[in-house]
Protein backbone atom coordinates (compact mmCIF):
# COMPACT_ATOMS: atom_id res chain seq x y z
CA MET A 1 101.90 95.68 88.76
CA ALA A 2 99.06 94.45 90.93
CA GLU A 3 101.01 94.63 94.17
CA THR A 4 100.89 97.46 96.68
CA ILE A 5 103.95 98.96 98.34
CA GLY A 6 102.84 97.42 101.65
CA SER A 7 102.34 93.93 100.23
CA LEU A 8 105.76 94.03 98.58
CA ILE A 9 107.42 95.13 101.82
CA ASP A 10 105.55 92.35 103.63
CA LYS A 11 106.76 89.75 101.13
CA LEU A 12 110.32 91.07 101.38
CA SER A 13 110.23 90.85 105.17
CA ILE A 14 109.01 87.26 105.03
CA ILE A 15 111.56 86.16 102.46
CA ARG A 16 114.42 87.80 104.39
CA LEU A 17 113.34 85.90 107.51
CA LYS A 18 113.20 82.66 105.54
CA ILE A 19 116.70 83.26 104.16
CA TYR A 20 118.00 84.04 107.64
CA HIS A 21 116.59 80.84 109.10
CA MET A 22 117.65 78.75 106.11
CA GLN A 23 121.21 80.04 106.54
CA LYS A 24 121.04 79.00 110.18
CA GLN A 25 120.24 75.48 108.95
CA ILE A 26 123.25 75.57 106.63
CA ALA A 27 125.52 76.59 109.53
CA ARG A 28 124.33 73.78 111.80
CA GLN A 29 126.92 71.15 112.63
CA ASP A 30 124.42 68.37 113.39
CA THR A 31 122.80 68.10 109.94
CA SER A 32 123.62 66.05 106.88
CA LYS A 33 125.35 67.29 103.75
CA LYS A 34 122.16 66.51 101.83
CA HIS A 35 120.12 68.76 104.13
CA LYS A 36 122.68 71.58 103.86
CA TRP A 37 122.79 71.24 100.07
CA ALA A 38 118.98 71.43 99.86
CA CYS A 39 118.99 74.53 102.08
CA LYS A 40 121.65 76.19 99.91
CA GLN A 41 119.53 75.58 96.80
CA LYS A 42 116.51 77.13 98.49
CA VAL A 43 118.55 80.18 99.54
CA LYS A 44 119.70 80.67 95.93
CA ILE A 45 116.09 80.66 94.72
CA MET A 46 114.90 82.93 97.53
CA LYS A 47 117.66 85.45 96.78
CA ILE A 48 116.48 85.62 93.16
CA GLN A 49 112.89 86.08 94.37
CA MET A 50 114.05 88.78 96.80
CA ALA A 51 115.85 90.65 94.01
CA ASP A 52 112.70 90.48 91.86
CA LEU A 53 110.58 91.84 94.71
CA GLU A 54 113.09 94.63 95.42
CA LYS A 55 113.06 95.60 91.75
CA GLU A 56 109.27 95.62 91.66
CA LEU A 57 109.15 97.73 94.84
CA SER A 58 111.64 100.23 93.40
CA GLU A 59 109.70 100.50 90.12
CA LEU A 60 106.37 100.95 91.91
CA THR A 61 107.81 103.54 94.30
CA ARG A 62 109.31 105.53 91.41
CA ALA A 63 106.00 105.37 89.51
CA VAL A 64 104.06 106.64 92.54
CA ILE A 65 106.53 109.44 93.27
CA SER A 66 106.57 110.56 89.62
CA GLY A 67 102.77 110.53 89.50
CA HIS A 68 102.53 107.82 86.84
CA LYS A 69 100.81 105.49 89.28
CA LYS A 70 98.21 106.33 91.87
CA LEU A 71 97.61 104.12 94.88
CA LYS A 72 94.08 103.27 96.01
CA VAL A 73 92.95 102.76 99.56
CA TYR A 74 91.01 99.55 100.04
CA TYR A 75 88.79 99.43 103.09
CA GLN A 76 88.22 96.25 105.04
CA PHE A 77 84.55 95.78 105.87
CA LYS A 78 83.09 93.54 108.53
CA MET A 79 79.89 91.63 107.95
CA TYR A 80 78.37 92.77 111.25
CA ASN A 81 78.93 95.26 114.09
CA ASP A 82 80.75 97.67 111.78
CA HIS A 83 80.26 101.16 113.23
CA GLY A 84 83.36 102.63 111.64
CA TYR A 85 83.58 103.72 108.02
CA ARG A 86 80.55 105.47 106.52
CA ILE A 87 80.02 106.15 102.83
CA LYS A 88 79.63 109.90 102.26
CA LYS A 89 76.76 110.99 100.04
């Protein structure tokens, strides 16, 4: 597992939004059957992807809670004008 809890939640949020909007396309009355069929196929795939992400999130969360996995904090550094984080000696 190379993902973080935050990145998995982010991906889940995005895919849920995509499913929501794709289902709106399916419900439209002014689109072709071909368009609706293509949207339905995409929703099927996205639901599988969502289930995979949910499973991965559950497994990672359980591993962190049980102490089998430790999360690291990765700091974002600027190239210039960075007066924030200082490395402690």
